[in-house]
mmCIF file of all heavy atoms, coordinates in Angstrom:
data_MODEL
# 
_entry.id   MODEL 
# 
loop_
_atom_site.group_PDB 
_atom_site.id 
_atom_site.type_symbol 
_atom_site.label_atom_id 
_atom_site.label_alt_id 
_atom_site.label_comp_id 
_atom_site.label_asym_id 
_atom_site.label_entity_id 
_atom_site.label_seq_id 
_atom_site.pdbx_PDB_ins_code 
_atom_site.Cartn_x 
_atom_site.Cartn_y 
_atom_site.Cartn_z 
_atom_site.occupancy 
_atom_site.B_iso_or_equiv 
_atom_site.pdbx_formal_charge 
_atom_site.auth_seq_id 
_atom_site.auth_comp_id 
_atom_site.auth_asym_id 
_atom_site.auth_atom_id 
_atom_site.pdbx_PDB_model_num 
ATOM 1   N N   . TRP A 1 1  ? 121.867 -126.462 -161.045 1.00 0.00 ? 1  TRP A N   1 
ATOM 2   C CA  . TRP A 1 1  ? 121.596 -126.925 -159.698 1.00 0.00 ? 1  TRP A CA  1 
ATOM 3   C C   . TRP A 1 1  ? 122.542 -128.105 -159.454 1.00 0.00 ? 1  TRP A C   1 
ATOM 4   O O   . TRP A 1 1  ? 122.993 -128.898 -160.327 1.00 0.00 ? 1  TRP A O   1 
ATOM 5   C CB  . TRP A 1 1  ? 120.134 -127.461 -159.649 1.00 0.00 ? 1  TRP A CB  1 
ATOM 6   C CG  . TRP A 1 1  ? 119.928 -128.099 -158.325 1.00 0.00 ? 1  TRP A CG  1 
ATOM 7   C CD1 . TRP A 1 1  ? 119.418 -127.501 -157.163 1.00 0.00 ? 1  TRP A CD1 1 
ATOM 8   C CD2 . TRP A 1 1  ? 120.018 -129.498 -157.938 1.00 0.00 ? 1  TRP A CD2 1 
ATOM 9   N NE1 . TRP A 1 1  ? 119.314 -128.343 -156.124 1.00 0.00 ? 1  TRP A NE1 1 
ATOM 10  C CE2 . TRP A 1 1  ? 119.711 -129.605 -156.617 1.00 0.00 ? 1  TRP A CE2 1 
ATOM 11  C CE3 . TRP A 1 1  ? 120.587 -130.561 -158.637 1.00 0.00 ? 1  TRP A CE3 1 
ATOM 12  C CZ2 . TRP A 1 1  ? 119.814 -130.803 -155.905 1.00 0.00 ? 1  TRP A CZ2 1 
ATOM 13  C CZ3 . TRP A 1 1  ? 120.671 -131.748 -157.987 1.00 0.00 ? 1  TRP A CZ3 1 
ATOM 14  C CH2 . TRP A 1 1  ? 120.303 -131.875 -156.594 1.00 0.00 ? 1  TRP A CH2 1 
ATOM 15  N N   . ARG A 1 2  ? 122.897 -128.221 -158.135 1.00 0.00 ? 2  ARG A N   1 
ATOM 16  C CA  . ARG A 1 2  ? 123.582 -129.342 -157.665 1.00 0.00 ? 2  ARG A CA  1 
ATOM 17  C C   . ARG A 1 2  ? 123.375 -129.318 -156.096 1.00 0.00 ? 2  ARG A C   1 
ATOM 18  O O   . ARG A 1 2  ? 122.935 -128.364 -155.647 1.00 0.00 ? 2  ARG A O   1 
ATOM 19  C CB  . ARG A 1 2  ? 125.128 -129.324 -157.949 1.00 0.00 ? 2  ARG A CB  1 
ATOM 20  C CG  . ARG A 1 2  ? 125.781 -128.099 -157.325 1.00 0.00 ? 2  ARG A CG  1 
ATOM 21  C CD  . ARG A 1 2  ? 127.355 -127.980 -157.648 1.00 0.00 ? 2  ARG A CD  1 
ATOM 22  N NE  . ARG A 1 2  ? 127.752 -128.360 -158.985 1.00 0.00 ? 2  ARG A NE  1 
ATOM 23  C CZ  . ARG A 1 2  ? 127.717 -127.515 -160.025 1.00 0.00 ? 2  ARG A CZ  1 
ATOM 24  N NH1 . ARG A 1 2  ? 127.458 -126.347 -159.865 1.00 0.00 ? 2  ARG A NH1 1 
ATOM 25  N NH2 . ARG A 1 2  ? 128.116 -127.861 -161.126 1.00 0.00 ? 2  ARG A NH2 1 
ATOM 26  N N   . PRO A 1 3  ? 123.583 -130.445 -155.419 1.00 0.00 ? 3  PRO A N   1 
ATOM 27  C CA  . PRO A 1 3  ? 123.328 -130.418 -154.063 1.00 0.00 ? 3  PRO A CA  1 
ATOM 28  C C   . PRO A 1 3  ? 124.065 -129.317 -153.281 1.00 0.00 ? 3  PRO A C   1 
ATOM 29  O O   . PRO A 1 3  ? 125.188 -129.129 -153.580 1.00 0.00 ? 3  PRO A O   1 
ATOM 30  C CB  . PRO A 1 3  ? 123.842 -131.870 -153.527 1.00 0.00 ? 3  PRO A CB  1 
ATOM 31  C CG  . PRO A 1 3  ? 123.718 -132.670 -154.749 1.00 0.00 ? 3  PRO A CG  1 
ATOM 32  C CD  . PRO A 1 3  ? 123.983 -131.758 -155.962 1.00 0.00 ? 3  PRO A CD  1 
ATOM 33  N N   . GLY A 1 4  ? 123.342 -128.510 -152.578 1.00 0.00 ? 4  GLY A N   1 
ATOM 34  C CA  . GLY A 1 4  ? 123.943 -127.398 -151.750 1.00 0.00 ? 4  GLY A CA  1 
ATOM 35  C C   . GLY A 1 4  ? 123.565 -126.045 -152.322 1.00 0.00 ? 4  GLY A C   1 
ATOM 36  O O   . GLY A 1 4  ? 123.742 -125.034 -151.725 1.00 0.00 ? 4  GLY A O   1 
ATOM 37  N N   . ILE A 1 5  ? 123.028 -126.024 -153.506 1.00 0.00 ? 5  ILE A N   1 
ATOM 38  C CA  . ILE A 1 5  ? 122.636 -124.772 -154.183 1.00 0.00 ? 5  ILE A CA  1 
ATOM 39  C C   . ILE A 1 5  ? 121.179 -124.419 -153.585 1.00 0.00 ? 5  ILE A C   1 
ATOM 40  O O   . ILE A 1 5  ? 120.286 -125.261 -153.589 1.00 0.00 ? 5  ILE A O   1 
ATOM 41  C CB  . ILE A 1 5  ? 122.516 -124.917 -155.677 1.00 0.00 ? 5  ILE A CB  1 
ATOM 42  C CG1 . ILE A 1 5  ? 123.823 -125.113 -156.305 1.00 0.00 ? 5  ILE A CG1 1 
ATOM 43  C CG2 . ILE A 1 5  ? 121.770 -123.738 -156.346 1.00 0.00 ? 5  ILE A CG2 1 
ATOM 44  C CD1 . ILE A 1 5  ? 124.859 -123.963 -156.196 1.00 0.00 ? 5  ILE A CD1 1 
ATOM 45  N N   . ASP A 1 6  ? 121.050 -123.181 -153.126 1.00 0.00 ? 6  ASP A N   1 
ATOM 46  C CA  . ASP A 1 6  ? 119.839 -122.668 -152.491 1.00 0.00 ? 6  ASP A CA  1 
ATOM 47  C C   . ASP A 1 6  ? 118.950 -122.276 -153.509 1.00 0.00 ? 6  ASP A C   1 
ATOM 48  O O   . ASP A 1 6  ? 117.672 -122.310 -153.324 1.00 0.00 ? 6  ASP A O   1 
ATOM 49  C CB  . ASP A 1 6  ? 120.185 -121.591 -151.472 1.00 0.00 ? 6  ASP A CB  1 
ATOM 50  C CG  . ASP A 1 6  ? 120.998 -122.016 -150.326 1.00 0.00 ? 6  ASP A CG  1 
ATOM 51  O OD1 . ASP A 1 6  ? 120.491 -122.911 -149.533 1.00 0.00 ? 6  ASP A OD1 1 
ATOM 52  O OD2 . ASP A 1 6  ? 122.059 -121.623 -150.142 1.00 0.00 ? 6  ASP A OD2 1 
ATOM 53  N N   . LEU A 1 7  ? 119.337 -121.640 -154.660 1.00 0.00 ? 7  LEU A N   1 
ATOM 54  C CA  . LEU A 1 7  ? 118.481 -121.139 -155.640 1.00 0.00 ? 7  LEU A CA  1 
ATOM 55  C C   . LEU A 1 7  ? 119.080 -121.290 -156.970 1.00 0.00 ? 7  LEU A C   1 
ATOM 56  O O   . LEU A 1 7  ? 120.237 -120.882 -157.249 1.00 0.00 ? 7  LEU A O   1 
ATOM 57  C CB  . LEU A 1 7  ? 118.239 -119.573 -155.427 1.00 0.00 ? 7  LEU A CB  1 
ATOM 58  C CG  . LEU A 1 7  ? 117.359 -118.822 -156.405 1.00 0.00 ? 7  LEU A CG  1 
ATOM 59  C CD1 . LEU A 1 7  ? 115.877 -119.404 -156.378 1.00 0.00 ? 7  LEU A CD1 1 
ATOM 60  C CD2 . LEU A 1 7  ? 117.345 -117.400 -156.100 1.00 0.00 ? 7  LEU A CD2 1 
ATOM 61  N N   . CYS A 1 8  ? 118.364 -121.943 -157.983 1.00 0.00 ? 8  CYS A N   1 
ATOM 62  C CA  . CYS A 1 8  ? 118.832 -122.167 -159.235 1.00 0.00 ? 8  CYS A CA  1 
ATOM 63  C C   . CYS A 1 8  ? 118.234 -120.987 -160.088 1.00 0.00 ? 8  CYS A C   1 
ATOM 64  O O   . CYS A 1 8  ? 117.075 -120.897 -160.247 1.00 0.00 ? 8  CYS A O   1 
ATOM 65  C CB  . CYS A 1 8  ? 118.358 -123.460 -159.811 1.00 0.00 ? 8  CYS A CB  1 
ATOM 66  S SG  . CYS A 1 8  ? 119.050 -123.846 -161.376 1.00 0.00 ? 8  CYS A SG  1 
ATOM 67  N N   . TRP A 1 9  ? 119.124 -120.016 -160.536 1.00 0.00 ? 9  TRP A N   1 
ATOM 68  C CA  . TRP A 1 9  ? 118.620 -118.776 -161.127 1.00 0.00 ? 9  TRP A CA  1 
ATOM 69  C C   . TRP A 1 9  ? 119.589 -118.298 -162.238 1.00 0.00 ? 9  TRP A C   1 
ATOM 70  O O   . TRP A 1 9  ? 120.817 -118.459 -162.055 1.00 0.00 ? 9  TRP A O   1 
ATOM 71  C CB  . TRP A 1 9  ? 118.527 -117.676 -160.149 1.00 0.00 ? 9  TRP A CB  1 
ATOM 72  C CG  . TRP A 1 9  ? 117.618 -116.552 -160.452 1.00 0.00 ? 9  TRP A CG  1 
ATOM 73  C CD1 . TRP A 1 9  ? 118.011 -115.371 -161.075 1.00 0.00 ? 9  TRP A CD1 1 
ATOM 74  C CD2 . TRP A 1 9  ? 116.246 -116.567 -160.383 1.00 0.00 ? 9  TRP A CD2 1 
ATOM 75  N NE1 . TRP A 1 9  ? 116.871 -114.646 -161.286 1.00 0.00 ? 9  TRP A NE1 1 
ATOM 76  C CE2 . TRP A 1 9  ? 115.783 -115.337 -160.827 1.00 0.00 ? 9  TRP A CE2 1 
ATOM 77  C CE3 . TRP A 1 9  ? 115.242 -117.456 -159.823 1.00 0.00 ? 9  TRP A CE3 1 
ATOM 78  C CZ2 . TRP A 1 9  ? 114.495 -114.967 -160.937 1.00 0.00 ? 9  TRP A CZ2 1 
ATOM 79  C CZ3 . TRP A 1 9  ? 113.932 -117.061 -159.851 1.00 0.00 ? 9  TRP A CZ3 1 
ATOM 80  C CH2 . TRP A 1 9  ? 113.560 -115.822 -160.382 1.00 0.00 ? 9  TRP A CH2 1 
ATOM 81  N N   . ASP A 1 10 ? 119.041 -117.828 -163.252 1.00 0.00 ? 10 ASP A N   1 
ATOM 82  C CA  . ASP A 1 10 ? 119.783 -117.193 -164.378 1.00 0.00 ? 10 ASP A CA  1 
ATOM 83  C C   . ASP A 1 10 ? 119.915 -115.676 -163.997 1.00 0.00 ? 10 ASP A C   1 
ATOM 84  O O   . ASP A 1 10 ? 118.991 -114.946 -163.975 1.00 0.00 ? 10 ASP A O   1 
ATOM 85  C CB  . ASP A 1 10 ? 119.027 -117.257 -165.666 1.00 0.00 ? 10 ASP A CB  1 
ATOM 86  C CG  . ASP A 1 10 ? 119.736 -116.688 -166.900 1.00 0.00 ? 10 ASP A CG  1 
ATOM 87  O OD1 . ASP A 1 10 ? 120.771 -116.077 -166.731 1.00 0.00 ? 10 ASP A OD1 1 
ATOM 88  O OD2 . ASP A 1 10 ? 119.171 -116.866 -168.012 1.00 0.00 ? 10 ASP A OD2 1 
ATOM 89  N N   . VAL A 1 11 ? 121.138 -115.204 -163.721 1.00 0.00 ? 11 VAL A N   1 
ATOM 90  C CA  . VAL A 1 11 ? 121.408 -113.963 -163.274 1.00 0.00 ? 11 VAL A CA  1 
ATOM 91  C C   . VAL A 1 11 ? 121.247 -112.847 -164.341 1.00 0.00 ? 11 VAL A C   1 
ATOM 92  O O   . VAL A 1 11 ? 121.220 -111.702 -164.009 1.00 0.00 ? 11 VAL A O   1 
ATOM 93  C CB  . VAL A 1 11 ? 122.786 -113.791 -162.594 1.00 0.00 ? 11 VAL A CB  1 
ATOM 94  C CG1 . VAL A 1 11 ? 122.902 -114.638 -161.340 1.00 0.00 ? 11 VAL A CG1 1 
ATOM 95  C CG2 . VAL A 1 11 ? 123.917 -114.067 -163.587 1.00 0.00 ? 11 VAL A CG2 1 
ATOM 96  N N   . SER A 1 12 ? 120.952 -113.349 -165.534 1.00 0.00 ? 12 SER A N   1 
ATOM 97  C CA  . SER A 1 12 ? 120.687 -112.253 -166.609 1.00 0.00 ? 12 SER A CA  1 
ATOM 98  C C   . SER A 1 12 ? 119.246 -111.885 -166.576 1.00 0.00 ? 12 SER A C   1 
ATOM 99  O O   . SER A 1 12 ? 118.850 -110.935 -167.254 1.00 0.00 ? 12 SER A O   1 
ATOM 100 C CB  . SER A 1 12 ? 121.041 -112.855 -167.994 1.00 0.00 ? 12 SER A CB  1 
ATOM 101 O OG  . SER A 1 12 ? 120.174 -113.867 -168.337 1.00 0.00 ? 12 SER A OG  1 
ATOM 102 N N   . LYS A 1 13 ? 118.486 -112.535 -165.715 1.00 0.00 ? 13 LYS A N   1 
ATOM 103 C CA  . LYS A 1 13 ? 117.055 -112.158 -165.443 1.00 0.00 ? 13 LYS A CA  1 
ATOM 104 C C   . LYS A 1 13 ? 116.951 -111.349 -164.084 1.00 0.00 ? 13 LYS A C   1 
ATOM 105 O O   . LYS A 1 13 ? 117.879 -111.464 -163.296 1.00 0.00 ? 13 LYS A O   1 
ATOM 106 C CB  . LYS A 1 13 ? 116.276 -113.473 -165.359 1.00 0.00 ? 13 LYS A CB  1 
ATOM 107 C CG  . LYS A 1 13 ? 116.413 -114.473 -166.431 1.00 0.00 ? 13 LYS A CG  1 
ATOM 108 C CD  . LYS A 1 13 ? 115.687 -113.934 -167.690 1.00 0.00 ? 13 LYS A CD  1 
ATOM 109 C CE  . LYS A 1 13 ? 115.834 -115.064 -168.736 1.00 0.00 ? 13 LYS A CE  1 
ATOM 110 N NZ  . LYS A 1 13 ? 116.033 -114.542 -170.080 1.00 0.00 ? 13 LYS A NZ  1 
ATOM 111 N N   . PRO A 1 14 ? 115.875 -110.630 -163.908 1.00 0.00 ? 14 PRO A N   1 
ATOM 112 C CA  . PRO A 1 14 ? 115.727 -109.909 -162.632 1.00 0.00 ? 14 PRO A CA  1 
ATOM 113 C C   . PRO A 1 14 ? 115.810 -110.862 -161.443 1.00 0.00 ? 14 PRO A C   1 
ATOM 114 O O   . PRO A 1 14 ? 115.159 -111.951 -161.515 1.00 0.00 ? 14 PRO A O   1 
ATOM 115 C CB  . PRO A 1 14 ? 114.330 -109.258 -162.863 1.00 0.00 ? 14 PRO A CB  1 
ATOM 116 C CG  . PRO A 1 14 ? 114.086 -109.116 -164.245 1.00 0.00 ? 14 PRO A CG  1 
ATOM 117 C CD  . PRO A 1 14 ? 114.751 -110.316 -164.894 1.00 0.00 ? 14 PRO A CD  1 
ATOM 118 N N   . LEU A 1 15 ? 116.465 -110.414 -160.428 1.00 0.00 ? 15 LEU A N   1 
ATOM 119 C CA  . LEU A 1 15 ? 116.630 -111.234 -159.231 1.00 0.00 ? 15 LEU A CA  1 
ATOM 120 C C   . LEU A 1 15 ? 115.361 -111.250 -158.424 1.00 0.00 ? 15 LEU A C   1 
ATOM 121 O O   . LEU A 1 15 ? 114.609 -110.293 -158.322 1.00 0.00 ? 15 LEU A O   1 
ATOM 122 C CB  . LEU A 1 15 ? 117.805 -110.711 -158.413 1.00 0.00 ? 15 LEU A CB  1 
ATOM 123 C CG  . LEU A 1 15 ? 119.192 -110.701 -159.093 1.00 0.00 ? 15 LEU A CG  1 
ATOM 124 C CD1 . LEU A 1 15 ? 120.177 -110.048 -158.114 1.00 0.00 ? 15 LEU A CD1 1 
ATOM 125 C CD2 . LEU A 1 15 ? 119.533 -112.110 -159.287 1.00 0.00 ? 15 LEU A CD2 1 
ATOM 126 N N   . PRO A 1 16 ? 115.077 -112.409 -157.795 1.00 0.00 ? 16 PRO A N   1 
ATOM 127 C CA  . PRO A 1 16 ? 113.760 -112.506 -157.051 1.00 0.00 ? 16 PRO A CA  1 
ATOM 128 C C   . PRO A 1 16 ? 113.780 -111.858 -155.610 1.00 0.00 ? 16 PRO A C   1 
ATOM 129 O O   . PRO A 1 16 ? 112.797 -112.003 -154.904 1.00 0.00 ? 16 PRO A O   1 
ATOM 130 C CB  . PRO A 1 16 ? 113.620 -114.010 -156.895 1.00 0.00 ? 16 PRO A CB  1 
ATOM 131 C CG  . PRO A 1 16 ? 114.963 -114.542 -156.771 1.00 0.00 ? 16 PRO A CG  1 
ATOM 132 C CD  . PRO A 1 16 ? 115.798 -113.662 -157.701 1.00 0.00 ? 16 PRO A CD  1 
ATOM 133 N N   . PHE A 1 17 ? 114.819 -111.122 -155.319 1.00 0.00 ? 17 PHE A N   1 
ATOM 134 C CA  . PHE A 1 17 ? 114.927 -110.520 -153.931 1.00 0.00 ? 17 PHE A CA  1 
ATOM 135 C C   . PHE A 1 17 ? 114.275 -109.186 -153.978 1.00 0.00 ? 17 PHE A C   1 
ATOM 136 O O   . PHE A 1 17 ? 114.156 -108.462 -154.947 1.00 0.00 ? 17 PHE A O   1 
ATOM 137 C CB  . PHE A 1 17 ? 116.390 -110.362 -153.594 1.00 0.00 ? 17 PHE A CB  1 
ATOM 138 C CG  . PHE A 1 17 ? 117.230 -111.639 -153.726 1.00 0.00 ? 17 PHE A CG  1 
ATOM 139 C CD1 . PHE A 1 17 ? 118.178 -111.753 -154.690 1.00 0.00 ? 17 PHE A CD1 1 
ATOM 140 C CD2 . PHE A 1 17 ? 116.969 -112.744 -152.887 1.00 0.00 ? 17 PHE A CD2 1 
ATOM 141 C CE1 . PHE A 1 17 ? 118.914 -112.898 -154.893 1.00 0.00 ? 17 PHE A CE1 1 
ATOM 142 C CE2 . PHE A 1 17 ? 117.744 -113.798 -153.005 1.00 0.00 ? 17 PHE A CE2 1 
ATOM 143 C CZ  . PHE A 1 17 ? 118.650 -113.975 -153.921 1.00 0.00 ? 17 PHE A CZ  1 
ATOM 144 N N   . ASN A 1 18 ? 113.642 -108.765 -152.728 1.00 0.00 ? 18 ASN A N   1 
ATOM 145 C CA  . ASN A 1 18 ? 113.044 -107.483 -152.561 1.00 0.00 ? 18 ASN A CA  1 
ATOM 146 C C   . ASN A 1 18 ? 114.100 -106.359 -152.620 1.00 0.00 ? 18 ASN A C   1 
ATOM 147 O O   . ASN A 1 18 ? 115.341 -106.603 -152.427 1.00 0.00 ? 18 ASN A O   1 
ATOM 148 C CB  . ASN A 1 18 ? 112.349 -107.491 -151.263 1.00 0.00 ? 18 ASN A CB  1 
ATOM 149 C CG  . ASN A 1 18 ? 111.152 -108.371 -151.224 1.00 0.00 ? 18 ASN A CG  1 
ATOM 150 O OD1 . ASN A 1 18 ? 110.606 -108.717 -152.261 1.00 0.00 ? 18 ASN A OD1 1 
ATOM 151 N ND2 . ASN A 1 18 ? 110.878 -108.918 -150.001 1.00 0.00 ? 18 ASN A ND2 1 
ATOM 152 N N   . ASP A 1 19 ? 113.648 -105.177 -152.951 1.00 0.00 ? 19 ASP A N   1 
ATOM 153 C CA  . ASP A 1 19 ? 114.574 -103.972 -152.890 1.00 0.00 ? 19 ASP A CA  1 
ATOM 154 C C   . ASP A 1 19 ? 115.292 -103.799 -151.601 1.00 0.00 ? 19 ASP A C   1 
ATOM 155 O O   . ASP A 1 19 ? 114.509 -103.943 -150.574 1.00 0.00 ? 19 ASP A O   1 
ATOM 156 C CB  . ASP A 1 19 ? 113.757 -102.761 -153.276 1.00 0.00 ? 19 ASP A CB  1 
ATOM 157 C CG  . ASP A 1 19 ? 113.221 -102.720 -154.743 1.00 0.00 ? 19 ASP A CG  1 
ATOM 158 O OD1 . ASP A 1 19 ? 113.608 -103.661 -155.496 1.00 0.00 ? 19 ASP A OD1 1 
ATOM 159 O OD2 . ASP A 1 19 ? 112.527 -101.740 -155.123 1.00 0.00 ? 19 ASP A OD2 1 
ATOM 160 N N   . HIS A 1 20 ? 116.500 -103.555 -151.568 1.00 0.00 ? 20 HIS A N   1 
ATOM 161 C CA  . HIS A 1 20 ? 117.228 -103.217 -150.372 1.00 0.00 ? 20 HIS A CA  1 
ATOM 162 C C   . HIS A 1 20 ? 117.164 -104.279 -149.304 1.00 0.00 ? 20 HIS A C   1 
ATOM 163 O O   . HIS A 1 20 ? 117.173 -104.069 -148.109 1.00 0.00 ? 20 HIS A O   1 
ATOM 164 C CB  . HIS A 1 20 ? 116.806 -101.921 -149.821 1.00 0.00 ? 20 HIS A CB  1 
ATOM 165 C CG  . HIS A 1 20 ? 116.690 -100.778 -150.871 1.00 0.00 ? 20 HIS A CG  1 
ATOM 166 N ND1 . HIS A 1 20 ? 117.721 -100.338 -151.443 1.00 0.00 ? 20 HIS A ND1 1 
ATOM 167 C CD2 . HIS A 1 20 ? 115.620 -100.094 -151.269 1.00 0.00 ? 20 HIS A CD2 1 
ATOM 168 C CE1 . HIS A 1 20 ? 117.408 -99.365  -152.328 1.00 0.00 ? 20 HIS A CE1 1 
ATOM 169 N NE2 . HIS A 1 20 ? 116.084 -99.303  -152.180 1.00 0.00 ? 20 HIS A NE2 1 
ATOM 170 N N   . SER A 1 21 ? 117.022 -105.581 -149.718 1.00 0.00 ? 21 SER A N   1 
ATOM 171 C CA  . SER A 1 21 ? 116.880 -106.690 -148.761 1.00 0.00 ? 21 SER A CA  1 
ATOM 172 C C   . SER A 1 21 ? 118.116 -107.538 -148.489 1.00 0.00 ? 21 SER A C   1 
ATOM 173 O O   . SER A 1 21 ? 118.146 -108.342 -147.656 1.00 0.00 ? 21 SER A O   1 
ATOM 174 C CB  . SER A 1 21 ? 115.743 -107.582 -149.202 1.00 0.00 ? 21 SER A CB  1 
ATOM 175 O OG  . SER A 1 21 ? 116.051 -108.168 -150.428 1.00 0.00 ? 21 SER A OG  1 
ATOM 176 N N   . ILE A 1 22 ? 119.139 -107.301 -149.251 1.00 0.00 ? 22 ILE A N   1 
ATOM 177 C CA  . ILE A 1 22 ? 120.435 -108.158 -149.201 1.00 0.00 ? 22 ILE A CA  1 
ATOM 178 C C   . ILE A 1 22 ? 121.494 -107.340 -148.596 1.00 0.00 ? 22 ILE A C   1 
ATOM 179 O O   . ILE A 1 22 ? 121.772 -106.214 -149.054 1.00 0.00 ? 22 ILE A O   1 
ATOM 180 C CB  . ILE A 1 22 ? 120.798 -108.732 -150.553 1.00 0.00 ? 22 ILE A CB  1 
ATOM 181 C CG1 . ILE A 1 22 ? 119.543 -109.444 -151.200 1.00 0.00 ? 22 ILE A CG1 1 
ATOM 182 C CG2 . ILE A 1 22 ? 121.994 -109.509 -150.384 1.00 0.00 ? 22 ILE A CG2 1 
ATOM 183 C CD1 . ILE A 1 22 ? 119.024 -110.549 -150.438 1.00 0.00 ? 22 ILE A CD1 1 
ATOM 184 N N   . SER A 1 23 ? 122.134 -107.900 -147.522 1.00 0.00 ? 23 SER A N   1 
ATOM 185 C CA  . SER A 1 23 ? 123.224 -107.110 -146.981 1.00 0.00 ? 23 SER A CA  1 
ATOM 186 C C   . SER A 1 23 ? 124.671 -107.248 -147.503 1.00 0.00 ? 23 SER A C   1 
ATOM 187 O O   . SER A 1 23 ? 125.521 -106.439 -147.367 1.00 0.00 ? 23 SER A O   1 
ATOM 188 C CB  . SER A 1 23 ? 123.275 -107.430 -145.366 1.00 0.00 ? 23 SER A CB  1 
ATOM 189 O OG  . SER A 1 23 ? 123.348 -108.768 -145.227 1.00 0.00 ? 23 SER A OG  1 
ATOM 190 N N   . ALA A 1 24 ? 124.902 -108.466 -148.152 1.00 0.00 ? 24 ALA A N   1 
ATOM 191 C CA  . ALA A 1 24 ? 126.193 -108.688 -148.712 1.00 0.00 ? 24 ALA A CA  1 
ATOM 192 C C   . ALA A 1 24 ? 126.092 -109.669 -149.874 1.00 0.00 ? 24 ALA A C   1 
ATOM 193 O O   . ALA A 1 24 ? 125.338 -110.663 -149.922 1.00 0.00 ? 24 ALA A O   1 
ATOM 194 C CB  . ALA A 1 24 ? 127.103 -109.255 -147.566 1.00 0.00 ? 24 ALA A CB  1 
ATOM 195 N N   . VAL A 1 25 ? 126.952 -109.382 -150.833 1.00 0.00 ? 25 VAL A N   1 
ATOM 196 C CA  . VAL A 1 25 ? 126.944 -110.237 -152.069 1.00 0.00 ? 25 VAL A CA  1 
ATOM 197 C C   . VAL A 1 25 ? 128.393 -110.597 -152.360 1.00 0.00 ? 25 VAL A C   1 
ATOM 198 O O   . VAL A 1 25 ? 129.321 -109.771 -152.212 1.00 0.00 ? 25 VAL A O   1 
ATOM 199 C CB  . VAL A 1 25 ? 126.329 -109.462 -153.304 1.00 0.00 ? 25 VAL A CB  1 
ATOM 200 C CG1 . VAL A 1 25 ? 126.716 -110.193 -154.585 1.00 0.00 ? 25 VAL A CG1 1 
ATOM 201 C CG2 . VAL A 1 25 ? 124.870 -109.231 -153.135 1.00 0.00 ? 25 VAL A CG2 1 
ATOM 202 N N   . PHE A 1 26 ? 128.650 -111.839 -152.817 1.00 0.00 ? 26 PHE A N   1 
ATOM 203 C CA  . PHE A 1 26 ? 129.938 -112.332 -153.139 1.00 0.00 ? 26 PHE A CA  1 
ATOM 204 C C   . PHE A 1 26 ? 129.846 -113.046 -154.483 1.00 0.00 ? 26 PHE A C   1 
ATOM 205 O O   . PHE A 1 26 ? 128.830 -113.881 -154.692 1.00 0.00 ? 26 PHE A O   1 
ATOM 206 C CB  . PHE A 1 26 ? 130.456 -113.280 -152.088 1.00 0.00 ? 26 PHE A CB  1 
ATOM 207 C CG  . PHE A 1 26 ? 131.770 -113.941 -152.448 1.00 0.00 ? 26 PHE A CG  1 
ATOM 208 C CD1 . PHE A 1 26 ? 132.936 -113.247 -152.334 1.00 0.00 ? 26 PHE A CD1 1 
ATOM 209 C CD2 . PHE A 1 26 ? 131.862 -115.237 -152.881 1.00 0.00 ? 26 PHE A CD2 1 
ATOM 210 C CE1 . PHE A 1 26 ? 134.174 -113.809 -152.645 1.00 0.00 ? 26 PHE A CE1 1 
ATOM 211 C CE2 . PHE A 1 26 ? 133.014 -115.890 -153.116 1.00 0.00 ? 26 PHE A CE2 1 
ATOM 212 C CZ  . PHE A 1 26 ? 134.230 -115.155 -153.064 1.00 0.00 ? 26 PHE A CZ  1 
ATOM 213 N N   . SER A 1 27 ? 130.766 -112.810 -155.397 1.00 0.00 ? 27 SER A N   1 
ATOM 214 C CA  . SER A 1 27 ? 130.823 -113.475 -156.694 1.00 0.00 ? 27 SER A CA  1 
ATOM 215 C C   . SER A 1 27 ? 132.302 -113.663 -157.170 1.00 0.00 ? 27 SER A C   1 
ATOM 216 O O   . SER A 1 27 ? 132.882 -112.635 -157.238 1.00 0.00 ? 27 SER A O   1 
ATOM 217 C CB  . SER A 1 27 ? 129.992 -112.767 -157.704 1.00 0.00 ? 27 SER A CB  1 
ATOM 218 O OG  . SER A 1 27 ? 129.976 -113.475 -158.926 1.00 0.00 ? 27 SER A OG  1 
ATOM 219 N N   . GLU A 1 28 ? 132.576 -114.892 -157.346 1.00 0.00 ? 28 GLU A N   1 
ATOM 220 C CA  . GLU A 1 28 ? 133.998 -115.115 -157.706 1.00 0.00 ? 28 GLU A CA  1 
ATOM 221 C C   . GLU A 1 28 ? 134.079 -115.917 -159.023 1.00 0.00 ? 28 GLU A C   1 
ATOM 222 O O   . GLU A 1 28 ? 133.567 -116.927 -159.112 1.00 0.00 ? 28 GLU A O   1 
ATOM 223 C CB  . GLU A 1 28 ? 134.800 -115.947 -156.716 1.00 0.00 ? 28 GLU A CB  1 
ATOM 224 C CG  . GLU A 1 28 ? 136.225 -116.119 -156.980 1.00 0.00 ? 28 GLU A CG  1 
ATOM 225 C CD  . GLU A 1 28 ? 137.028 -116.761 -155.798 1.00 0.00 ? 28 GLU A CD  1 
ATOM 226 O OE1 . GLU A 1 28 ? 136.368 -117.428 -155.068 1.00 0.00 ? 28 GLU A OE1 1 
ATOM 227 O OE2 . GLU A 1 28 ? 138.203 -116.632 -155.791 1.00 0.00 ? 28 GLU A OE2 1 
ATOM 228 N N   . HIS A 1 29 ? 134.662 -115.270 -160.067 1.00 0.00 ? 29 HIS A N   1 
ATOM 229 C CA  . HIS A 1 29 ? 134.730 -115.913 -161.369 1.00 0.00 ? 29 HIS A CA  1 
ATOM 230 C C   . HIS A 1 29 ? 133.461 -116.400 -162.001 1.00 0.00 ? 29 HIS A C   1 
ATOM 231 O O   . HIS A 1 29 ? 133.328 -117.483 -162.411 1.00 0.00 ? 29 HIS A O   1 
ATOM 232 C CB  . HIS A 1 29 ? 135.792 -117.178 -161.349 1.00 0.00 ? 29 HIS A CB  1 
ATOM 233 C CG  . HIS A 1 29 ? 137.135 -116.652 -160.947 1.00 0.00 ? 29 HIS A CG  1 
ATOM 234 N ND1 . HIS A 1 29 ? 137.952 -115.932 -161.895 1.00 0.00 ? 29 HIS A ND1 1 
ATOM 235 C CD2 . HIS A 1 29 ? 137.863 -116.766 -159.783 1.00 0.00 ? 29 HIS A CD2 1 
ATOM 236 C CE1 . HIS A 1 29 ? 139.052 -115.695 -161.247 1.00 0.00 ? 29 HIS A CE1 1 
ATOM 237 N NE2 . HIS A 1 29 ? 138.998 -116.141 -160.064 1.00 0.00 ? 29 HIS A NE2 1 
# 
């Protein structure tokens, strides 16, 4: 976490989003 982070999450765990609910994903490095 740091100021500006919307969700502090370990991506090796299941994501908290519903099925087919996200329209776009970006991940860099």
